[in-house]
PDB file of N, CA and C in Angstrom:
ATOM      1  N   MET A   1       4.360 -16.626  -6.628  1.00  0.00           N
ATOM      2  CA  MET A   1       3.805 -16.422  -5.297  1.00  0.00           C
ATOM      3  C   MET A   1       3.650 -14.938  -4.988  1.00  0.00           C
ATOM      4  N   ALA A   2       4.610 -14.118  -5.422  1.00  0.00           N
ATOM      5  CA  ALA A   2       4.540 -12.686  -5.139  1.00  0.00           C
ATOM      6  C   ALA A   2       3.315 -12.062  -5.793  1.00  0.00           C
ATOM      7  N   THR A   3       2.939 -12.559  -6.986  1.00  0.00           N
ATOM      8  CA  THR A   3       1.768 -12.016  -7.670  1.00  0.00           C
ATOM      9  C   THR A   3       0.510 -12.236  -6.852  1.00  0.00           C
ATOM     10  N   SER A   4       0.348 -13.411  -6.287  1.00  0.00           N
ATOM     11  CA  SER A   4      -0.841 -13.667  -5.484  1.00  0.00           C
ATOM     12  C   SER A   4      -0.825 -12.836  -4.203  1.00  0.00           C
ATOM     13  N   LYS A   5       0.351 -12.601  -3.643  1.00  0.00           N
ATOM     14  CA  LYS A   5       0.440 -11.759  -2.451  1.00  0.00           C
ATOM     15  C   LYS A   5       0.054 -10.325  -2.767  1.00  0.00           C
ATOM     16  N   ILE A   6       0.547  -9.806  -3.876  1.00  0.00           N
ATOM     17  CA  ILE A   6       0.234  -8.420  -4.223  1.00  0.00           C
ATOM     18  C   ILE A   6      -1.254  -8.275  -4.519  1.00  0.00           C
ATOM     19  N   GLU A   7      -1.846  -9.265  -5.149  1.00  0.00           N
ATOM     20  CA  GLU A   7      -3.288  -9.224  -5.419  1.00  0.00           C
ATOM     21  C   GLU A   7      -4.068  -9.283  -4.101  1.00  0.00           C
ATOM     22  N   GLU A   8      -3.601 -10.082  -3.168  1.00  0.00           N
ATOM     23  CA  GLU A   8      -4.233 -10.166  -1.846  1.00  0.00           C
ATOM     24  C   GLU A   8      -4.122  -8.828  -1.119  1.00  0.00           C
ATOM     25  N   ILE A   9      -2.955  -8.206  -1.201  1.00  0.00           N
ATOM     26  CA  ILE A   9      -2.738  -6.918  -0.547  1.00  0.00           C
ATOM     27  C   ILE A   9      -3.610  -5.847  -1.191  1.00  0.00           C
ATOM     28  N   LYS A  10      -3.728  -5.855  -2.511  1.00  0.00           N
ATOM     29  CA  LYS A  10      -4.592  -4.892  -3.197  1.00  0.00           C
ATOM     30  C   LYS A  10      -6.043  -5.071  -2.764  1.00  0.00           C
ATOM     31  N   ALA A  11      -6.491  -6.317  -2.664  1.00  0.00           N
ATOM     32  CA  ALA A  11      -7.870  -6.581  -2.233  1.00  0.00           C
ATOM     33  C   ALA A  11      -8.102  -6.076  -0.814  1.00  0.00           C
ATOM     34  N   GLN A  12      -7.125  -6.280   0.070  1.00  0.00           N
ATOM     35  CA  GLN A  12      -7.255  -5.791   1.444  1.00  0.00           C
ATOM     36  C   GLN A  12      -7.279  -4.271   1.485  1.00  0.00           C
ATOM     37  N   PHE A  13      -6.456  -3.637   0.655  1.00  0.00           N
ATOM     38  CA  PHE A  13      -6.408  -2.180   0.562  1.00  0.00           C
ATOM     39  C   PHE A  13      -7.772  -1.650   0.118  1.00  0.00           C
ATOM     40  N   MET A  14      -8.328  -2.246  -0.925  1.00  0.00           N
ATOM     41  CA  MET A  14      -9.625  -1.815  -1.436  1.00  0.00           C
ATOM     42  C   MET A  14     -10.714  -2.025  -0.387  1.00  0.00           C
ATOM     43  N   ASP A  15     -10.664  -3.142   0.308  1.00  0.00           N
ATOM     44  CA  ASP A  15     -11.649  -3.429   1.344  1.00  0.00           C
ATOM     45  C   ASP A  15     -11.534  -2.427   2.498  1.00  0.00           C
ATOM     46  N   ARG A  16     -10.307  -2.156   2.888  1.00  0.00           N
ATOM     47  CA  ARG A  16     -10.053  -1.232   3.995  1.00  0.00           C
ATOM     48  C   ARG A  16     -10.610   0.167   3.704  1.00  0.00           C
ATOM     49  N   LEU A  17     -10.539   0.567   2.434  1.00  0.00           N
ATOM     50  CA  LEU A  17     -10.994   1.896   2.040  1.00  0.00           C
ATOM     51  C   LEU A  17     -12.380   1.901   1.389  1.00  0.00           C
ATOM     52  N   ASN A  18     -13.034   0.738   1.370  1.00  0.00           N
ATOM     53  CA  ASN A  18     -14.356   0.603   0.743  1.00  0.00           C
ATOM     54  C   ASN A  18     -14.358   1.054  -0.712  1.00  0.00           C
ATOM     55  N   LEU A  19     -13.352   0.615  -1.462  1.00  0.00           N
ATOM     56  CA  LEU A  19     -13.244   0.957  -2.874  1.00  0.00           C
ATOM     57  C   LEU A  19     -13.792  -0.171  -3.731  1.00  0.00           C
ATOM     58  N   LYS A  20     -14.534   0.196  -4.772  1.00  0.00           N
ATOM     59  CA  LYS A  20     -15.054  -0.800  -5.728  1.00  0.00           C
ATOM     60  C   LYS A  20     -14.040  -1.092  -6.820  1.00  0.00           C
ATOM     61  N   SER A  21     -13.210  -0.091  -7.129  1.00  0.00           N
ATOM     62  CA  SER A  21     -12.156  -0.264  -8.125  1.00  0.00           C
ATOM     63  C   SER A  21     -10.929   0.486  -7.647  1.00  0.00           C
ATOM     64  N   LEU A  22      -9.810   0.173  -8.261  1.00  0.00           N
ATOM     65  CA  LEU A  22      -8.543   0.749  -7.836  1.00  0.00           C
ATOM     66  C   LEU A  22      -7.934   1.544  -8.977  1.00  0.00           C
ATOM     67  N   ASP A  23      -7.845   2.863  -8.792  1.00  0.00           N
ATOM     68  CA  ASP A  23      -7.212   3.750  -9.766  1.00  0.00           C
ATOM     69  C   ASP A  23      -5.773   3.957  -9.313  1.00  0.00           C
ATOM     70  N   GLU A  24      -4.829   3.373 -10.035  1.00  0.00           N
ATOM     71  CA  GLU A  24      -3.431   3.448  -9.617  1.00  0.00           C
ATOM     72  C   GLU A  24      -2.869   4.861  -9.678  1.00  0.00           C
ATOM     73  N   ASN A  25      -3.520   5.758 -10.408  1.00  0.00           N
ATOM     74  CA  ASN A  25      -3.054   7.137 -10.492  1.00  0.00           C
ATOM     75  C   ASN A  25      -3.614   8.022  -9.379  1.00  0.00           C
ATOM     76  N   ALA A  26      -4.523   7.471  -8.588  1.00  0.00           N
ATOM     77  CA  ALA A  26      -5.124   8.252  -7.509  1.00  0.00           C
ATOM     78  C   ALA A  26      -4.089   8.570  -6.440  1.00  0.00           C
ATOM     79  N   LYS A  27      -4.131   9.804  -5.977  1.00  0.00           N
ATOM     80  CA  LYS A  27      -3.252  10.193  -4.879  1.00  0.00           C
ATOM     81  C   LYS A  27      -3.796   9.601  -3.588  1.00  0.00           C
ATOM     82  N   LEU A  28      -2.892   9.153  -2.742  1.00  0.00           N
ATOM     83  CA  LEU A  28      -3.307   8.555  -1.472  1.00  0.00           C
ATOM     84  C   LEU A  28      -4.113   9.553  -0.647  1.00  0.00           C
ATOM     85  N   THR A  29      -3.728  10.824  -0.696  1.00  0.00           N
ATOM     86  CA  THR A  29      -4.463  11.841   0.053  1.00  0.00           C
ATOM     87  C   THR A  29      -5.885  12.008  -0.474  1.00  0.00           C
ATOM     88  N   ASP A  30      -6.082  11.816  -1.778  1.00  0.00           N
ATOM     89  CA  ASP A  30      -7.429  11.906  -2.352  1.00  0.00           C
ATOM     90  C   ASP A  30      -8.316  10.759  -1.880  1.00  0.00           C
ATOM     91  N   LEU A  31      -7.697   9.682  -1.445  1.00  0.00           N
ATOM     92  CA  LEU A  31      -8.440   8.540  -0.912  1.00  0.00           C
ATOM     93  C   LEU A  31      -8.668   8.674   0.596  1.00  0.00           C
ATOM     94  N   GLY A  32      -8.225   9.797   1.149  1.00  0.00           N
ATOM     95  CA  GLY A  32      -8.421  10.041   2.573  1.00  0.00           C
ATOM     96  C   GLY A  32      -7.304   9.522   3.453  1.00  0.00           C
ATOM     97  N   LEU A  33      -6.191   9.151   2.844  1.00  0.00           N
ATOM     98  CA  LEU A  33      -5.066   8.625   3.612  1.00  0.00           C
ATOM     99  C   LEU A  33      -4.041   9.719   3.878  1.00  0.00           C
ATOM    100  N   ASP A  34      -3.664   9.877   5.134  1.00  0.00           N
ATOM    101  CA  ASP A  34      -2.563  10.782   5.434  1.00  0.00           C
ATOM    102  C   ASP A  34      -1.319   9.939   5.699  1.00  0.00           C
ATOM    103  N   SER A  35      -0.222  10.582   6.023  1.00  0.00           N
ATOM    104  CA  SER A  35       1.038   9.858   6.188  1.00  0.00           C
ATOM    105  C   SER A  35       0.962   8.830   7.311  1.00  0.00           C
ATOM    106  N   LEU A  36       0.225   9.117   8.371  1.00  0.00           N
ATOM    107  CA  LEU A  36       0.093   8.151   9.464  1.00  0.00           C
ATOM    108  C   LEU A  36      -0.692   6.913   9.031  1.00  0.00           C
ATOM    109  N   ASP A  37      -1.697   7.111   8.186  1.00  0.00           N
ATOM    110  CA  ASP A  37      -2.450   5.969   7.659  1.00  0.00           C
ATOM    111  C   ASP A  37      -1.544   5.064   6.831  1.00  0.00           C
ATOM    112  N   VAL A  38      -0.682   5.673   6.027  1.00  0.00           N
ATOM    113  CA  VAL A  38       0.244   4.905   5.181  1.00  0.00           C
ATOM    114  C   VAL A  38       1.228   4.133   6.058  1.00  0.00           C
ATOM    115  N   VAL A  39       1.751   4.779   7.091  1.00  0.00           N
ATOM    116  CA  VAL A  39       2.667   4.108   8.018  1.00  0.00           C
ATOM    117  C   VAL A  39       1.959   2.935   8.681  1.00  0.00           C
ATOM    118  N   ASP A  40       0.740   3.148   9.129  1.00  0.00           N
ATOM    119  CA  ASP A  40      -0.034   2.091   9.784  1.00  0.00           C
ATOM    120  C   ASP A  40      -0.251   0.902   8.849  1.00  0.00           C
ATOM    121  N   MET A  41      -0.619   1.186   7.610  1.00  0.00           N
ATOM    122  CA  MET A  41      -0.824   0.106   6.646  1.00  0.00           C
ATOM    123  C   MET A  41       0.474  -0.652   6.390  1.00  0.00           C
ATOM    124  N   CYS A  42       1.572   0.068   6.285  1.00  0.00           N
ATOM    125  CA  CYS A  42       2.865  -0.572   6.012  1.00  0.00           C
ATOM    126  C   CYS A  42       3.343  -1.388   7.218  1.00  0.00           C
ATOM    127  N   LEU A  43       3.030  -0.936   8.422  1.00  0.00           N
ATOM    128  CA  LEU A  43       3.349  -1.736   9.612  1.00  0.00           C
ATOM    129  C   LEU A  43       2.551  -3.032   9.611  1.00  0.00           C
ATOM    130  N   ASP A  44       1.285  -2.941   9.199  1.00  0.00           N
ATOM    131  CA  ASP A  44       0.460  -4.149   9.081  1.00  0.00           C
ATOM    132  C   ASP A  44       1.060  -5.125   8.076  1.00  0.00           C
ATOM    133  N   LEU A  45       1.580  -4.598   6.958  1.00  0.00           N
ATOM    134  CA  LEU A  45       2.220  -5.452   5.954  1.00  0.00           C
ATOM    135  C   LEU A  45       3.465  -6.114   6.536  1.00  0.00           C
ATOM    136  N   GLY A  46       4.174  -5.379   7.355  1.00  0.00           N
ATOM    137  CA  GLY A  46       5.350  -5.940   8.009  1.00  0.00           C
ATOM    138  C   GLY A  46       4.985  -7.098   8.905  1.00  0.00           C
ATOM    139  N   ASP A  47       3.916  -6.926   9.657  1.00  0.00           N
ATOM    140  CA  ASP A  47       3.465  -7.981  10.559  1.00  0.00           C
ATOM    141  C   ASP A  47       2.986  -9.213   9.796  1.00  0.00           C
ATOM    142  N   LYS A  48       2.225  -8.990   8.742  1.00  0.00           N
ATOM    143  CA  LYS A  48       1.609 -10.107   8.029  1.00  0.00           C
ATOM    144  C   LYS A  48       2.534 -10.767   7.011  1.00  0.00           C
ATOM    145  N   TYR A  49       3.340  -9.954   6.303  1.00  0.00           N
ATOM    146  CA  TYR A  49       4.134 -10.486   5.190  1.00  0.00           C
ATOM    147  C   TYR A  49       5.645 -10.358   5.386  1.00  0.00           C
ATOM    148  N   GLY A  50       6.071  -9.766   6.497  1.00  0.00           N
ATOM    149  CA  GLY A  50       7.495  -9.601   6.736  1.00  0.00           C
ATOM    150  C   GLY A  50       8.130  -8.532   5.858  1.00  0.00           C
ATOM    151  N   ILE A  51       7.312  -7.585   5.381  1.00  0.00           N
ATOM    152  CA  ILE A  51       7.798  -6.502   4.530  1.00  0.00           C
ATOM    153  C   ILE A  51       8.139  -5.318   5.422  1.00  0.00           C
ATOM    154  N   ASN A  52       9.361  -4.836   5.335  1.00  0.00           N
ATOM    155  CA  ASN A  52       9.775  -3.691   6.136  1.00  0.00           C
ATOM    156  C   ASN A  52      10.151  -2.535   5.223  1.00  0.00           C
ATOM    157  N   PHE A  53       9.688  -1.356   5.591  1.00  0.00           N
ATOM    158  CA  PHE A  53       9.932  -0.151   4.803  1.00  0.00           C
ATOM    159  C   PHE A  53      10.788   0.829   5.579  1.00  0.00           C
ATOM    160  N   GLU A  54      11.660   1.515   4.855  1.00  0.00           N
ATOM    161  CA  GLU A  54      12.442   2.607   5.423  1.00  0.00           C
ATOM    162  C   GLU A  54      11.578   3.872   5.393  1.00  0.00           C
ATOM    163  N   THR A  55      11.931   4.839   6.212  1.00  0.00           N
ATOM    164  CA  THR A  55      11.195   6.101   6.222  1.00  0.00           C
ATOM    165  C   THR A  55      11.187   6.739   4.842  1.00  0.00           C
ATOM    166  N   SER A  56      12.302   6.653   4.145  1.00  0.00           N
ATOM    167  CA  SER A  56      12.374   7.240   2.800  1.00  0.00           C
ATOM    168  C   SER A  56      11.412   6.549   1.833  1.00  0.00           C
ATOM    169  N   ASP A  57      11.201   5.236   2.029  1.00  0.00           N
ATOM    170  CA  ASP A  57      10.231   4.514   1.204  1.00  0.00           C
ATOM    171  C   ASP A  57       8.839   5.100   1.418  1.00  0.00           C
ATOM    172  N   LEU A  58       8.486   5.264   2.682  1.00  0.00           N
ATOM    173  CA  LEU A  58       7.149   5.743   3.033  1.00  0.00           C
ATOM    174  C   LEU A  58       6.901   7.153   2.505  1.00  0.00           C
ATOM    175  N   GLU A  59       7.917   7.985   2.558  1.00  0.00           N
ATOM    176  CA  GLU A  59       7.777   9.363   2.079  1.00  0.00           C
ATOM    177  C   GLU A  59       7.583   9.430   0.573  1.00  0.00           C
ATOM    178  N   ALA A  60       8.023   8.407  -0.141  1.00  0.00           N
ATOM    179  CA  ALA A  60       7.914   8.383  -1.600  1.00  0.00           C
ATOM    180  C   ALA A  60       6.531   7.947  -2.079  1.00  0.00           C
ATOM    181  N   PHE A  61       5.722   7.396  -1.198  1.00  0.00           N
ATOM    182  CA  PHE A  61       4.397   6.905  -1.580  1.00  0.00           C
ATOM    183  C   PHE A  61       3.419   8.062  -1.671  1.00  0.00           C
ATOM    184  N   LYS A  62       3.167   8.512  -2.890  1.00  0.00           N
ATOM    185  CA  LYS A  62       2.227   9.616  -3.132  1.00  0.00           C
ATOM    186  C   LYS A  62       0.947   9.135  -3.804  1.00  0.00           C
ATOM    187  N   THR A  63       1.078   8.114  -4.662  1.00  0.00           N
ATOM    188  CA  THR A  63      -0.075   7.575  -5.391  1.00  0.00           C
ATOM    189  C   THR A  63      -0.233   6.092  -5.049  1.00  0.00           C
ATOM    190  N   VAL A  64      -1.358   5.557  -5.454  1.00  0.00           N
ATOM    191  CA  VAL A  64      -1.603   4.128  -5.269  1.00  0.00           C
ATOM    192  C   VAL A  64      -0.519   3.324  -5.983  1.00  0.00           C
ATOM    193  N   LYS A  65      -0.144   3.758  -7.182  1.00  0.00           N
ATOM    194  CA  LYS A  65       0.902   3.058  -7.943  1.00  0.00           C
ATOM    195  C   LYS A  65       2.227   3.076  -7.193  1.00  0.00           C
ATOM    196  N   ASP A  66       2.597   4.236  -6.629  1.00  0.00           N
ATOM    197  CA  ASP A  66       3.832   4.318  -5.841  1.00  0.00           C
ATOM    198  C   ASP A  66       3.818   3.294  -4.718  1.00  0.00           C
ATOM    199  N   LEU A  67       2.701   3.237  -4.023  1.00  0.00           N
ATOM    200  CA  LEU A  67       2.578   2.324  -2.887  1.00  0.00           C
ATOM    201  C   LEU A  67       2.744   0.872  -3.327  1.00  0.00           C
ATOM    202  N   PHE A  68       2.013   0.475  -4.352  1.00  0.00           N
ATOM    203  CA  PHE A  68       2.067  -0.926  -4.775  1.00  0.00           C
ATOM    204  C   PHE A  68       3.358  -1.282  -5.493  1.00  0.00           C
ATOM    205  N   ASP A  69       3.968  -0.326  -6.173  1.00  0.00           N
ATOM    206  CA  ASP A  69       5.298  -0.584  -6.739  1.00  0.00           C
ATOM    207  C   ASP A  69       6.309  -0.831  -5.614  1.00  0.00           C
ATOM    208  N   GLY A  70       6.210  -0.036  -4.551  1.00  0.00           N
ATOM    209  CA  GLY A  70       7.091  -0.221  -3.400  1.00  0.00           C
ATOM    210  C   GLY A  70       6.893  -1.557  -2.721  1.00  0.00           C
ATOM    211  N   ILE A  71       5.632  -1.950  -2.583  1.00  0.00           N
ATOM    212  CA  ILE A  71       5.330  -3.252  -1.979  1.00  0.00           C
ATOM    213  C   ILE A  71       5.856  -4.370  -2.857  1.00  0.00           C
ATOM    214  N   GLN A  72       5.615  -4.255  -4.167  1.00  0.00           N
ATOM    215  CA  GLN A  72       6.066  -5.297  -5.115  1.00  0.00           C
ATOM    216  C   GLN A  72       7.574  -5.501  -5.025  1.00  0.00           C
ATOM    217  N   LYS A  73       8.335  -4.410  -4.891  1.00  0.00           N
ATOM    218  CA  LYS A  73       9.788  -4.519  -4.788  1.00  0.00           C
ATOM    219  C   LYS A  73      10.206  -5.269  -3.534  1.00  0.00           C
ATOM    220  N   LYS A  74       9.412  -5.179  -2.489  1.00  0.00           N
ATOM    221  CA  LYS A  74       9.760  -5.822  -1.215  1.00  0.00           C
ATOM    222  C   LYS A  74       9.359  -7.289  -1.151  1.00  0.00           C
ATOM    223  N   LEU A  75       8.426  -7.693  -2.030  1.00  0.00           N
ATOM    224  CA  LEU A  75       7.946  -9.086  -1.997  1.00  0.00           C
ATOM    225  C   LEU A  75       8.953 -10.048  -2.570  1.00  0.00           C
TER     226      LEU A  75
END
């Protein structure tokens, strides 16, 4: 079940940013996301999937891979 959730979250992320493909090595800032955007997205995940992040978790998200690894751990 977690695999389908993570795939759903990745699809929503790509849709939100109008991405055709997902480069896991891309820096979030290179995709136009600042720290507030990341917090907003993570709050949305909390509302939809019951995933809650600590401030230290959010600060560690520098790349797409960091973000999705963090989400995967919470699922």
